[in-house]
């Protein structure tokens, strides 16, 4: 399958996308030598399944659904068990990050993609249309906006899944992450949520900044709020003299430090990506919310519109 590349520029940024997964392939900041994200050198390697969701738009339900099932309005639905053969991850094996989107609009500084999902796709009810708009905005900001509508009640949780590495080194060893979250979602051995707990006294307390990577596997949702709010600054990733500030309207931030990365194909410029080569910082709803009444609701109903705004801004000291 031959994929189309789209490059947008503006306000000190250059971003390159591909229509497979509405994926960010590469992001550059003027005057900064290293790429800011992990990406694959050959677009065909995304289709072959080597990207590990690198730069993709994941959904229709990002993150995990425990036991690959949920009950909605009295009906039980079984979704694709693509994670450890019993849970659903990022919408199933053919979720939105592993599908060919259509480019519907393009300007010098912005591009918009769209994807239509059928009723029953990966086990989810309701036809759904998703649009993803990326723009190079003022103050060296990459703007990511998602919009979705559905013809029947269905879960909806969409996320941008870039792996960030701000200095171009093989690992995150010189990165510091700060997140304005005082709670997190503990998980079981299958990374399925078990509840909510305070970050105080745990390795999940990023309020004052922590170096990456930490010990063990970091793949947790940090709780920013109990529902969607107005966009606000929630996280800061720093390496050397470069800082990335993340603002979002979403209630959660899934942080995965790439501990299990092992990419068998060349990355940008022939780079190799192994464990801790990048960190995914995914603004989204809380994981497995469809199975938990105590989590923020993620059901999209006919007549409603799902909208998400997340921005990534870059400053140098």
C-alpha atoms as a PDB file:
ATOM      1  CA  UNK A   1       0.000   0.000   0.000  1.00  0.00           C
ATOM      2  CA  UNK A   2       1.394   3.379  -1.003  1.00  0.00           C
ATOM      3  CA  UNK A   3       0.814   6.093   1.584  1.00  0.00           C
ATOM      4  CA  UNK A   4       0.642   9.840   1.090  1.00  0.00           C
ATOM      5  CA  UNK A   5       2.806  12.208   3.149  1.00  0.00           C
ATOM      6  CA  UNK A   6       1.659  15.688   4.135  1.00  0.00           C
ATOM      7  CA  UNK A   7       4.030  18.319   5.513  1.00  0.00           C
ATOM      8  CA  UNK A   8       2.802  21.476   7.242  1.00  0.00           C
ATOM      9  CA  UNK A   9       4.886  24.392   8.484  1.00  0.00           C
ATOM     10  CA  UNK A  10       4.478  27.522  10.525  1.00  0.00           C
ATOM     11  CA  UNK A  11       5.557  29.401  13.646  1.00  0.00           C
ATOM     12  CA  UNK A  12       8.888  27.602  13.831  1.00  0.00           C
ATOM     13  CA  UNK A  13       7.548  24.068  13.399  1.00  0.00           C
ATOM     14  CA  UNK A  14       7.575  21.562  10.547  1.00  0.00           C
ATOM     15  CA  UNK A  15       5.352  18.502  10.913  1.00  0.00           C
ATOM     16  CA  UNK A  16       4.995  15.551   8.543  1.00  0.00           C
ATOM     17  CA  UNK A  17       1.998  13.215   8.583  1.00  0.00           C
ATOM     18  CA  UNK A  18       0.855  10.103   6.788  1.00  0.00           C
ATOM     19  CA  UNK A  19      -2.740   9.041   6.152  1.00  0.00           C
ATOM     20  CA  UNK A  20      -2.243   5.635   7.801  1.00  0.00           C
ATOM     21  CA  UNK A  21      -3.537   6.157  11.335  1.00  0.00           C
ATOM     22  CA  UNK A  22      -3.591   9.962  10.867  1.00  0.00           C
ATOM     23  CA  UNK A  23      -0.024   9.587  12.072  1.00  0.00           C
ATOM     24  CA  UNK A  24       2.614  12.184  12.914  1.00  0.00           C
ATOM     25  CA  UNK A  25       5.795  10.883  11.256  1.00  0.00           C
ATOM     26  CA  UNK A  26       8.203  13.669  12.153  1.00  0.00           C
ATOM     27  CA  UNK A  27       8.205  16.988  14.006  1.00  0.00           C
ATOM     28  CA  UNK A  28      11.002  19.589  13.850  1.00  0.00           C
ATOM     29  CA  UNK A  29      11.651  22.863  15.645  1.00  0.00           C
ATOM     30  CA  UNK A  30      13.619  25.547  13.820  1.00  0.00           C
ATOM     31  CA  UNK A  31      17.132  25.839  15.238  1.00  0.00           C
ATOM     32  CA  UNK A  32      16.936  22.451  16.985  1.00  0.00           C
ATOM     33  CA  UNK A  33      18.801  19.591  15.317  1.00  0.00           C
ATOM     34  CA  UNK A  34      16.997  16.551  16.746  1.00  0.00           C
ATOM     35  CA  UNK A  35      13.513  15.369  15.752  1.00  0.00           C
ATOM     36  CA  UNK A  36      11.038  15.783  18.610  1.00  0.00           C
ATOM     37  CA  UNK A  37       9.161  12.509  18.101  1.00  0.00           C
ATOM     38  CA  UNK A  38       9.985   8.923  17.237  1.00  0.00           C
ATOM     39  CA  UNK A  39       9.022   7.940  13.714  1.00  0.00           C
ATOM     40  CA  UNK A  40       9.760   5.271  11.136  1.00  0.00           C
ATOM     41  CA  UNK A  41      11.977   5.959   8.117  1.00  0.00           C
ATOM     42  CA  UNK A  42       9.749   3.989   5.721  1.00  0.00           C
ATOM     43  CA  UNK A  43       5.978   4.681   5.710  1.00  0.00           C
ATOM     44  CA  UNK A  44       5.270   1.116   4.606  1.00  0.00           C
ATOM     45  CA  UNK A  45       6.585  -0.105   7.960  1.00  0.00           C
ATOM     46  CA  UNK A  46       3.564   1.493   9.642  1.00  0.00           C
ATOM     47  CA  UNK A  47       1.228  -0.657   7.553  1.00  0.00           C
ATOM     48  CA  UNK A  48       3.363  -3.704   8.362  1.00  0.00           C
ATOM     49  CA  UNK A  49       2.675  -3.176  12.061  1.00  0.00           C
ATOM     50  CA  UNK A  50       6.104  -2.109  13.308  1.00  0.00           C
ATOM     51  CA  UNK A  51       5.162   1.305  14.715  1.00  0.00           C
ATOM     52  CA  UNK A  52       3.775   0.348  18.153  1.00  0.00           C
ATOM     53  CA  UNK A  53       1.184   3.154  17.697  1.00  0.00           C
ATOM     54  CA  UNK A  54       4.024   5.634  17.123  1.00  0.00           C
ATOM     55  CA  UNK A  55       2.456   9.018  16.305  1.00  0.00           C
ATOM     56  CA  UNK A  56      -0.965   7.503  15.597  1.00  0.00           C
ATOM     57  CA  UNK A  57      -4.481   8.673  16.382  1.00  0.00           C
ATOM     58  CA  UNK A  58      -5.790   5.799  18.509  1.00  0.00           C
ATOM     59  CA  UNK A  59      -9.456   4.897  19.154  1.00  0.00           C
ATOM     60  CA  UNK A  60     -12.394   4.544  18.863  1.00  0.00           C
ATOM     61  CA  UNK A  61     -11.503   3.798  22.485  1.00  0.00           C
ATOM     62  CA  UNK A  62      -7.904   4.563  23.393  1.00  0.00           C
ATOM     63  CA  UNK A  63      -6.245   2.561  26.150  1.00  0.00           C
ATOM     64  CA  UNK A  64      -7.646  -0.671  27.592  1.00  0.00           C
ATOM     65  CA  UNK A  65     -11.059  -2.265  27.980  1.00  0.00           C
ATOM     66  CA  UNK A  66     -10.928  -5.042  30.540  1.00  0.00           C
ATOM     67  CA  UNK A  67     -11.966  -8.531  29.381  1.00  0.00           C
ATOM     68  CA  UNK A  68     -12.773  -7.043  25.946  1.00  0.00           C
ATOM     69  CA  UNK A  69     -16.387  -6.482  26.896  1.00  0.00           C
ATOM     70  CA  UNK A  70     -18.757  -3.874  28.275  1.00  0.00           C
ATOM     71  CA  UNK A  71     -22.459  -3.338  28.902  1.00  0.00           C
ATOM     72  CA  UNK A  72     -24.223  -0.263  27.544  1.00  0.00           C
ATOM     73  CA  UNK A  73     -27.936   0.507  27.918  1.00  0.00           C
ATOM     74  CA  UNK A  74     -28.609  -3.103  28.917  1.00  0.00           C
ATOM     75  CA  UNK A  75     -26.772  -4.721  25.977  1.00  0.00           C
ATOM     76  CA  UNK A  76     -23.406  -6.474  26.309  1.00  0.00           C
ATOM     77  CA  UNK A  77     -20.773  -5.968  23.621  1.00  0.00           C
ATOM     78  CA  UNK A  78     -17.636  -7.996  23.026  1.00  0.00           C
ATOM     79  CA  UNK A  79     -14.708  -6.124  21.507  1.00  0.00           C
ATOM     80  CA  UNK A  80     -11.550  -7.335  19.798  1.00  0.00           C
ATOM     81  CA  UNK A  81      -9.232  -9.020  22.375  1.00  0.00           C
ATOM     82  CA  UNK A  82      -5.931  -7.769  20.929  1.00  0.00           C
ATOM     83  CA  UNK A  83      -4.088  -7.260  24.241  1.00  0.00           C
ATOM     84  CA  UNK A  84      -2.829 -10.424  25.943  1.00  0.00           C
ATOM     85  CA  UNK A  85      -5.583 -12.292  24.096  1.00  0.00           C
ATOM     86  CA  UNK A  86      -8.268 -11.160  26.558  1.00  0.00           C
ATOM     87  CA  UNK A  87      -8.443  -7.344  26.703  1.00  0.00           C
ATOM     88  CA  UNK A  88      -8.936  -4.617  24.081  1.00  0.00           C
ATOM     89  CA  UNK A  89      -6.196  -2.037  23.488  1.00  0.00           C
ATOM     90  CA  UNK A  90      -6.625   1.156  21.431  1.00  0.00           C
ATOM     91  CA  UNK A  91      -9.847   0.021  19.790  1.00  0.00           C
ATOM     92  CA  UNK A  92      -8.724  -3.437  18.684  1.00  0.00           C
ATOM     93  CA  UNK A  93      -6.265  -4.803  16.157  1.00  0.00           C
ATOM     94  CA  UNK A  94      -7.838  -2.618  13.451  1.00  0.00           C
ATOM     95  CA  UNK A  95      -8.488   0.407  15.631  1.00  0.00           C
ATOM     96  CA  UNK A  96      -8.164   3.905  14.223  1.00  0.00           C
ATOM     97  CA  UNK A  97      -4.368   3.868  14.529  1.00  0.00           C
ATOM     98  CA  UNK A  98      -4.206   0.947  12.096  1.00  0.00           C
ATOM     99  CA  UNK A  99      -6.550   2.243   9.407  1.00  0.00           C
ATOM    100  CA  UNK A 100      -6.242   4.354   6.283  1.00  0.00           C
ATOM    101  CA  UNK A 101      -7.753   7.808   6.863  1.00  0.00           C
ATOM    102  CA  UNK A 102      -8.828  10.243   4.159  1.00  0.00           C
ATOM    103  CA  UNK A 103      -7.229  13.656   3.865  1.00  0.00           C
ATOM    104  CA  UNK A 104     -10.138  16.092   3.606  1.00  0.00           C
ATOM    105  CA  UNK A 105      -8.447  19.496   3.948  1.00  0.00           C
ATOM    106  CA  UNK A 106      -4.952  20.931   3.746  1.00  0.00           C
ATOM    107  CA  UNK A 107      -3.341  24.343   4.145  1.00  0.00           C
ATOM    108  CA  UNK A 108       0.286  25.356   4.448  1.00  0.00           C
ATOM    109  CA  UNK A 109       0.071  25.210   8.239  1.00  0.00           C
ATOM    110  CA  UNK A 110      -2.686  22.616   8.831  1.00  0.00           C
ATOM    111  CA  UNK A 111      -4.062  19.283   7.668  1.00  0.00           C
ATOM    112  CA  UNK A 112      -7.311  17.469   8.449  1.00  0.00           C
ATOM    113  CA  UNK A 113      -8.071  13.757   8.138  1.00  0.00           C
ATOM    114  CA  UNK A 114     -11.362  11.855   8.464  1.00  0.00           C
ATOM    115  CA  UNK A 115     -12.311   8.241   9.110  1.00  0.00           C
ATOM    116  CA  UNK A 116     -15.702   6.497   9.002  1.00  0.00           C
ATOM    117  CA  UNK A 117     -16.214   3.441  11.208  1.00  0.00           C
ATOM    118  CA  UNK A 118     -19.024   0.964  10.624  1.00  0.00           C
ATOM    119  CA  UNK A 119     -21.572  -0.204  13.173  1.00  0.00           C
ATOM    120  CA  UNK A 120     -20.053  -3.312  14.795  1.00  0.00           C
ATOM    121  CA  UNK A 121     -16.488  -2.397  13.825  1.00  0.00           C
ATOM    122  CA  UNK A 122     -14.153  -4.178  16.300  1.00  0.00           C
ATOM    123  CA  UNK A 123     -17.338  -5.055  18.237  1.00  0.00           C
ATOM    124  CA  UNK A 124     -18.393  -1.470  18.995  1.00  0.00           C
ATOM    125  CA  UNK A 125     -21.951  -0.293  18.326  1.00  0.00           C
ATOM    126  CA  UNK A 126     -22.847   2.605  16.073  1.00  0.00           C
ATOM    127  CA  UNK A 127     -21.509   4.153  12.912  1.00  0.00           C
ATOM    128  CA  UNK A 128     -18.961   6.807  13.826  1.00  0.00           C
ATOM    129  CA  UNK A 129     -17.156   9.586  11.967  1.00  0.00           C
ATOM    130  CA  UNK A 130     -13.916  10.966  13.364  1.00  0.00           C
ATOM    131  CA  UNK A 131     -11.985  14.005  12.189  1.00  0.00           C
ATOM    132  CA  UNK A 132      -8.400  14.826  13.205  1.00  0.00           C
ATOM    133  CA  UNK A 133      -7.021  18.320  12.596  1.00  0.00           C
ATOM    134  CA  UNK A 134      -3.347  19.170  13.107  1.00  0.00           C
ATOM    135  CA  UNK A 135      -1.955  22.697  12.878  1.00  0.00           C
ATOM    136  CA  UNK A 136       1.295  24.572  13.432  1.00  0.00           C
ATOM    137  CA  UNK A 137       0.118  27.412  15.665  1.00  0.00           C
ATOM    138  CA  UNK A 138       1.603  30.458  17.358  1.00  0.00           C
ATOM    139  CA  UNK A 139       4.455  30.114  19.846  1.00  0.00           C
ATOM    140  CA  UNK A 140       5.867  26.955  18.233  1.00  0.00           C
ATOM    141  CA  UNK A 141       2.741  24.968  19.094  1.00  0.00           C
ATOM    142  CA  UNK A 142       1.458  21.769  17.524  1.00  0.00           C
ATOM    143  CA  UNK A 143      -2.325  21.832  17.881  1.00  0.00           C
ATOM    144  CA  UNK A 144      -4.230  18.530  17.837  1.00  0.00           C
ATOM    145  CA  UNK A 145      -8.027  18.612  17.619  1.00  0.00           C
ATOM    146  CA  UNK A 146     -10.359  15.623  17.436  1.00  0.00           C
ATOM    147  CA  UNK A 147     -14.068  15.611  16.661  1.00  0.00           C
ATOM    148  CA  UNK A 148     -16.437  12.632  16.482  1.00  0.00           C
ATOM    149  CA  UNK A 149     -20.136  11.892  16.025  1.00  0.00           C
ATOM    150  CA  UNK A 150     -22.010   8.589  16.204  1.00  0.00           C
ATOM    151  CA  UNK A 151     -25.357   7.199  15.066  1.00  0.00           C
ATOM    152  CA  UNK A 152     -25.875   5.053  18.183  1.00  0.00           C
ATOM    153  CA  UNK A 153     -24.637   5.216  21.787  1.00  0.00           C
ATOM    154  CA  UNK A 154     -21.006   4.074  21.838  1.00  0.00           C
ATOM    155  CA  UNK A 155     -17.822   4.539  23.858  1.00  0.00           C
ATOM    156  CA  UNK A 156     -15.495   7.221  22.483  1.00  0.00           C
ATOM    157  CA  UNK A 157     -12.003   8.044  23.732  1.00  0.00           C
ATOM    158  CA  UNK A 158      -9.464   9.287  21.173  1.00  0.00           C
ATOM    159  CA  UNK A 159      -5.791  10.006  21.820  1.00  0.00           C
ATOM    160  CA  UNK A 160      -2.662  11.195  20.063  1.00  0.00           C
ATOM    161  CA  UNK A 161       0.093   8.620  20.631  1.00  0.00           C
ATOM    162  CA  UNK A 162       3.426  10.205  19.735  1.00  0.00           C
ATOM    163  CA  UNK A 163       6.541   9.072  21.560  1.00  0.00           C
ATOM    164  CA  UNK A 164       8.514  12.164  22.563  1.00  0.00           C
ATOM    165  CA  UNK A 165      12.289  12.452  22.719  1.00  0.00           C
ATOM    166  CA  UNK A 166      13.483  16.052  22.821  1.00  0.00           C
ATOM    167  CA  UNK A 167      17.253  15.651  22.572  1.00  0.00           C
ATOM    168  CA  UNK A 168      17.702  12.879  19.995  1.00  0.00           C
ATOM    169  CA  UNK A 169      19.679  10.627  22.358  1.00  0.00           C
ATOM    170  CA  UNK A 170      19.076   6.854  22.456  1.00  0.00           C
ATOM    171  CA  UNK A 171      17.064   7.006  25.706  1.00  0.00           C
ATOM    172  CA  UNK A 172      15.148   9.413  27.927  1.00  0.00           C
ATOM    173  CA  UNK A 173      17.974   9.526  30.470  1.00  0.00           C
ATOM    174  CA  UNK A 174      18.199  13.338  30.427  1.00  0.00           C
ATOM    175  CA  UNK A 175      14.448  14.052  30.434  1.00  0.00           C
ATOM    176  CA  UNK A 176      12.411  15.403  33.354  1.00  0.00           C
ATOM    177  CA  UNK A 177       8.606  15.128  33.381  1.00  0.00           C
ATOM    178  CA  UNK A 178       6.258  17.259  35.485  1.00  0.00           C
ATOM    179  CA  UNK A 179       2.501  16.556  35.633  1.00  0.00           C
ATOM    180  CA  UNK A 180      -0.138  18.485  37.597  1.00  0.00           C
ATOM    181  CA  UNK A 181      -1.963  15.383  38.860  1.00  0.00           C
ATOM    182  CA  UNK A 182      -2.532  14.410  42.493  1.00  0.00           C
ATOM    183  CA  UNK A 183      -4.209  11.060  41.717  1.00  0.00           C
ATOM    184  CA  UNK A 184      -3.501   8.121  39.442  1.00  0.00           C
ATOM    185  CA  UNK A 185      -5.137   4.868  38.334  1.00  0.00           C
ATOM    186  CA  UNK A 186      -3.506   1.742  39.831  1.00  0.00           C
ATOM    187  CA  UNK A 187      -3.592  -1.316  37.580  1.00  0.00           C
ATOM    188  CA  UNK A 188      -3.379  -5.087  37.923  1.00  0.00           C
ATOM    189  CA  UNK A 189      -0.834  -7.359  36.256  1.00  0.00           C
ATOM    190  CA  UNK A 190      -2.712  -6.980  32.954  1.00  0.00           C
ATOM    191  CA  UNK A 191      -2.623  -3.152  33.237  1.00  0.00           C
ATOM    192  CA  UNK A 192      -6.388  -3.027  33.826  1.00  0.00           C
ATOM    193  CA  UNK A 193      -7.538  -0.319  36.280  1.00  0.00           C
ATOM    194  CA  UNK A 194      -8.364  -1.313  39.852  1.00  0.00           C
ATOM    195  CA  UNK A 195      -9.464   2.101  41.176  1.00  0.00           C
ATOM    196  CA  UNK A 196      -8.018   5.532  41.974  1.00  0.00           C
ATOM    197  CA  UNK A 197      -5.282   6.414  44.469  1.00  0.00           C
ATOM    198  CA  UNK A 198      -3.282   9.492  45.543  1.00  0.00           C
ATOM    199  CA  UNK A 199       0.148   9.940  43.951  1.00  0.00           C
ATOM    200  CA  UNK A 200       1.627  11.141  47.249  1.00  0.00           C
ATOM    201  CA  UNK A 201       4.491   8.873  48.289  1.00  0.00           C
ATOM    202  CA  UNK A 202       4.501   6.866  45.054  1.00  0.00           C
ATOM    203  CA  UNK A 203       6.641   6.758  41.922  1.00  0.00           C
ATOM    204  CA  UNK A 204       3.622   8.264  40.118  1.00  0.00           C
ATOM    205  CA  UNK A 205       4.052  11.644  41.844  1.00  0.00           C
ATOM    206  CA  UNK A 206       5.300  13.916  39.049  1.00  0.00           C
ATOM    207  CA  UNK A 207       4.059  17.165  40.591  1.00  0.00           C
ATOM    208  CA  UNK A 208       7.574  18.444  41.323  1.00  0.00           C
ATOM    209  CA  UNK A 209       9.217  16.759  38.338  1.00  0.00           C
ATOM    210  CA  UNK A 210      10.852  13.345  38.083  1.00  0.00           C
ATOM    211  CA  UNK A 211      13.586  12.058  35.832  1.00  0.00           C
ATOM    212  CA  UNK A 212      12.808   9.537  33.119  1.00  0.00           C
ATOM    213  CA  UNK A 213      12.907   6.643  32.915  1.00  0.00           C
ATOM    214  CA  UNK A 214      12.037   5.479  36.409  1.00  0.00           C
ATOM    215  CA  UNK A 215      12.267   1.991  37.840  1.00  0.00           C
ATOM    216  CA  UNK A 216       9.877  -0.664  36.592  1.00  0.00           C
ATOM    217  CA  UNK A 217       7.169  -0.176  33.983  1.00  0.00           C
ATOM    218  CA  UNK A 218       5.516   3.234  33.828  1.00  0.00           C
ATOM    219  CA  UNK A 219       2.233   2.861  31.932  1.00  0.00           C
ATOM    220  CA  UNK A 220      -0.418   4.613  34.012  1.00  0.00           C
ATOM    221  CA  UNK A 221      -3.191   7.165  33.761  1.00  0.00           C
ATOM    222  CA  UNK A 222      -2.584  10.310  35.804  1.00  0.00           C
ATOM    223  CA  UNK A 223      -5.896  11.902  36.820  1.00  0.00           C
ATOM    224  CA  UNK A 224      -6.119  15.577  35.873  1.00  0.00           C
ATOM    225  CA  UNK A 225      -9.824  16.138  36.621  1.00  0.00           C
ATOM    226  CA  UNK A 226     -13.126  14.300  37.019  1.00  0.00           C
ATOM    227  CA  UNK A 227     -14.338  15.269  33.565  1.00  0.00           C
ATOM    228  CA  UNK A 228     -13.655  17.432  30.548  1.00  0.00           C
ATOM    229  CA  UNK A 229     -12.738  21.038  31.384  1.00  0.00           C
ATOM    230  CA  UNK A 230     -11.434  24.098  29.540  1.00  0.00           C
ATOM    231  CA  UNK A 231      -7.939  23.553  28.107  1.00  0.00           C
ATOM    232  CA  UNK A 232      -5.228  24.196  30.696  1.00  0.00           C
ATOM    233  CA  UNK A 233      -1.505  23.461  31.027  1.00  0.00           C
ATOM    234  CA  UNK A 234      -1.068  20.050  32.643  1.00  0.00           C
ATOM    235  CA  UNK A 235       2.417  18.694  31.876  1.00  0.00           C
ATOM    236  CA  UNK A 236       5.966  19.761  31.060  1.00  0.00           C
ATOM    237  CA  UNK A 237       8.710  17.619  29.529  1.00  0.00           C
ATOM    238  CA  UNK A 238      12.237  19.038  29.635  1.00  0.00           C
ATOM    239  CA  UNK A 239      15.565  17.909  28.162  1.00  0.00           C
ATOM    240  CA  UNK A 240      18.530  20.270  28.200  1.00  0.00           C
ATOM    241  CA  UNK A 241      17.352  23.777  27.300  1.00  0.00           C
ATOM    242  CA  UNK A 242      14.159  22.643  25.553  1.00  0.00           C
ATOM    243  CA  UNK A 243      10.779  22.355  27.276  1.00  0.00           C
ATOM    244  CA  UNK A 244       7.529  20.999  25.853  1.00  0.00           C
ATOM    245  CA  UNK A 245       4.336  22.227  27.540  1.00  0.00           C
ATOM    246  CA  UNK A 246       1.157  20.171  27.131  1.00  0.00           C
ATOM    247  CA  UNK A 247      -2.283  21.743  27.507  1.00  0.00           C
ATOM    248  CA  UNK A 248      -5.512  19.781  27.152  1.00  0.00           C
ATOM    249  CA  UNK A 249      -9.199  19.701  28.010  1.00  0.00           C
ATOM    250  CA  UNK A 250      -9.083  15.973  28.811  1.00  0.00           C
ATOM    251  CA  UNK A 251      -9.425  14.426  32.306  1.00  0.00           C
ATOM    252  CA  UNK A 252      -6.508  12.010  32.021  1.00  0.00           C
ATOM    253  CA  UNK A 253      -2.939  11.728  30.839  1.00  0.00           C
ATOM    254  CA  UNK A 254      -1.632   8.243  30.088  1.00  0.00           C
ATOM    255  CA  UNK A 255       2.148   8.176  30.505  1.00  0.00           C
ATOM    256  CA  UNK A 256       4.156   5.271  29.065  1.00  0.00           C
ATOM    257  CA  UNK A 257       7.929   5.526  29.250  1.00  0.00           C
ATOM    258  CA  UNK A 258       8.578   3.122  26.376  1.00  0.00           C
ATOM    259  CA  UNK A 259      10.101   0.455  28.622  1.00  0.00           C
ATOM    260  CA  UNK A 260       9.103  -2.315  26.200  1.00  0.00           C
ATOM    261  CA  UNK A 261       9.967  -0.571  22.940  1.00  0.00           C
ATOM    262  CA  UNK A 262      11.902  -2.796  20.540  1.00  0.00           C
ATOM    263  CA  UNK A 263      11.380  -1.506  17.000  1.00  0.00           C
ATOM    264  CA  UNK A 264      12.861  -3.888  14.383  1.00  0.00           C
ATOM    265  CA  UNK A 265      12.951  -1.364  11.501  1.00  0.00           C
ATOM    266  CA  UNK A 266      14.837   1.920  10.980  1.00  0.00           C
ATOM    267  CA  UNK A 267      13.563   5.054  12.657  1.00  0.00           C
ATOM    268  CA  UNK A 268      14.024   8.648  11.509  1.00  0.00           C
ATOM    269  CA  UNK A 269      17.427   9.000   9.856  1.00  0.00           C
ATOM    270  CA  UNK A 270      18.178   5.316  10.448  1.00  0.00           C
ATOM    271  CA  UNK A 271      17.857   5.600  14.241  1.00  0.00           C
ATOM    272  CA  UNK A 272      17.297   2.508  16.376  1.00  0.00           C
ATOM    273  CA  UNK A 273      14.505   2.564  18.967  1.00  0.00           C
ATOM    274  CA  UNK A 274      14.906   0.319  21.986  1.00  0.00           C
ATOM    275  CA  UNK A 275      13.619   0.470  25.572  1.00  0.00           C
ATOM    276  CA  UNK A 276      12.992   4.011  26.841  1.00  0.00           C
ATOM    277  CA  UNK A 277      13.727   5.592  23.450  1.00  0.00           C
ATOM    278  CA  UNK A 278      10.698   7.850  23.905  1.00  0.00           C
ATOM    279  CA  UNK A 279       7.786   8.619  26.218  1.00  0.00           C
ATOM    280  CA  UNK A 280       4.140   8.571  25.177  1.00  0.00           C
ATOM    281  CA  UNK A 281       2.088  11.256  26.939  1.00  0.00           C
ATOM    282  CA  UNK A 282      -1.500  10.690  25.828  1.00  0.00           C
ATOM    283  CA  UNK A 283      -4.287  13.134  26.712  1.00  0.00           C
ATOM    284  CA  UNK A 284      -7.506  11.129  26.942  1.00  0.00           C
ATOM    285  CA  UNK A 285     -10.333   9.871  29.128  1.00  0.00           C
ATOM    286  CA  UNK A 286      -9.579   7.432  31.918  1.00  0.00           C
ATOM    287  CA  UNK A 287      -8.944   3.805  30.835  1.00  0.00           C
ATOM    288  CA  UNK A 288     -11.706   1.175  31.016  1.00  0.00           C
ATOM    289  CA  UNK A 289     -14.195   3.908  31.911  1.00  0.00           C
ATOM    290  CA  UNK A 290     -16.931   2.030  30.072  1.00  0.00           C
ATOM    291  CA  UNK A 291     -16.732  -0.648  32.791  1.00  0.00           C
ATOM    292  CA  UNK A 292     -16.460   1.677  35.787  1.00  0.00           C
ATOM    293  CA  UNK A 293     -19.243   3.883  37.103  1.00  0.00           C
ATOM    294  CA  UNK A 294     -16.712   5.760  39.277  1.00  0.00           C
ATOM    295  CA  UNK A 295     -14.711   7.012  36.269  1.00  0.00           C
ATOM    296  CA  UNK A 296     -15.609   9.973  34.004  1.00  0.00           C
ATOM    297  CA  UNK A 297     -18.201   8.889  31.450  1.00  0.00           C
ATOM    298  CA  UNK A 298     -16.974   8.261  27.888  1.00  0.00           C
ATOM    299  CA  UNK A 299     -20.242   7.442  26.107  1.00  0.00           C
ATOM    300  CA  UNK A 300     -21.004   9.390  22.932  1.00  0.00           C
ATOM    301  CA  UNK A 301     -24.689   9.504  22.025  1.00  0.00           C
ATOM    302  CA  UNK A 302     -26.511  10.515  18.815  1.00  0.00           C
ATOM    303  CA  UNK A 303     -26.861  14.284  18.575  1.00  0.00           C
ATOM    304  CA  UNK A 304     -23.742  14.856  20.692  1.00  0.00           C
ATOM    305  CA  UNK A 305     -20.264  15.747  19.458  1.00  0.00           C
ATOM    306  CA  UNK A 306     -17.050  14.481  20.995  1.00  0.00           C
ATOM    307  CA  UNK A 307     -14.365  17.166  20.892  1.00  0.00           C
ATOM    308  CA  UNK A 308     -10.804  17.210  22.167  1.00  0.00           C
ATOM    309  CA  UNK A 309      -8.168  19.934  22.079  1.00  0.00           C
ATOM    310  CA  UNK A 310      -4.563  19.187  23.028  1.00  0.00           C
ATOM    311  CA  UNK A 311      -1.512  21.336  22.290  1.00  0.00           C
ATOM    312  CA  UNK A 312       2.220  20.764  22.487  1.00  0.00           C
ATOM    313  CA  UNK A 313       4.284  23.984  22.764  1.00  0.00           C
ATOM    314  CA  UNK A 314       8.069  24.274  22.633  1.00  0.00           C
ATOM    315  CA  UNK A 315      10.319  26.843  24.290  1.00  0.00           C
ATOM    316  CA  UNK A 316      14.090  27.144  24.528  1.00  0.00           C
ATOM    317  CA  UNK A 317      15.917  28.760  27.423  1.00  0.00           C
END
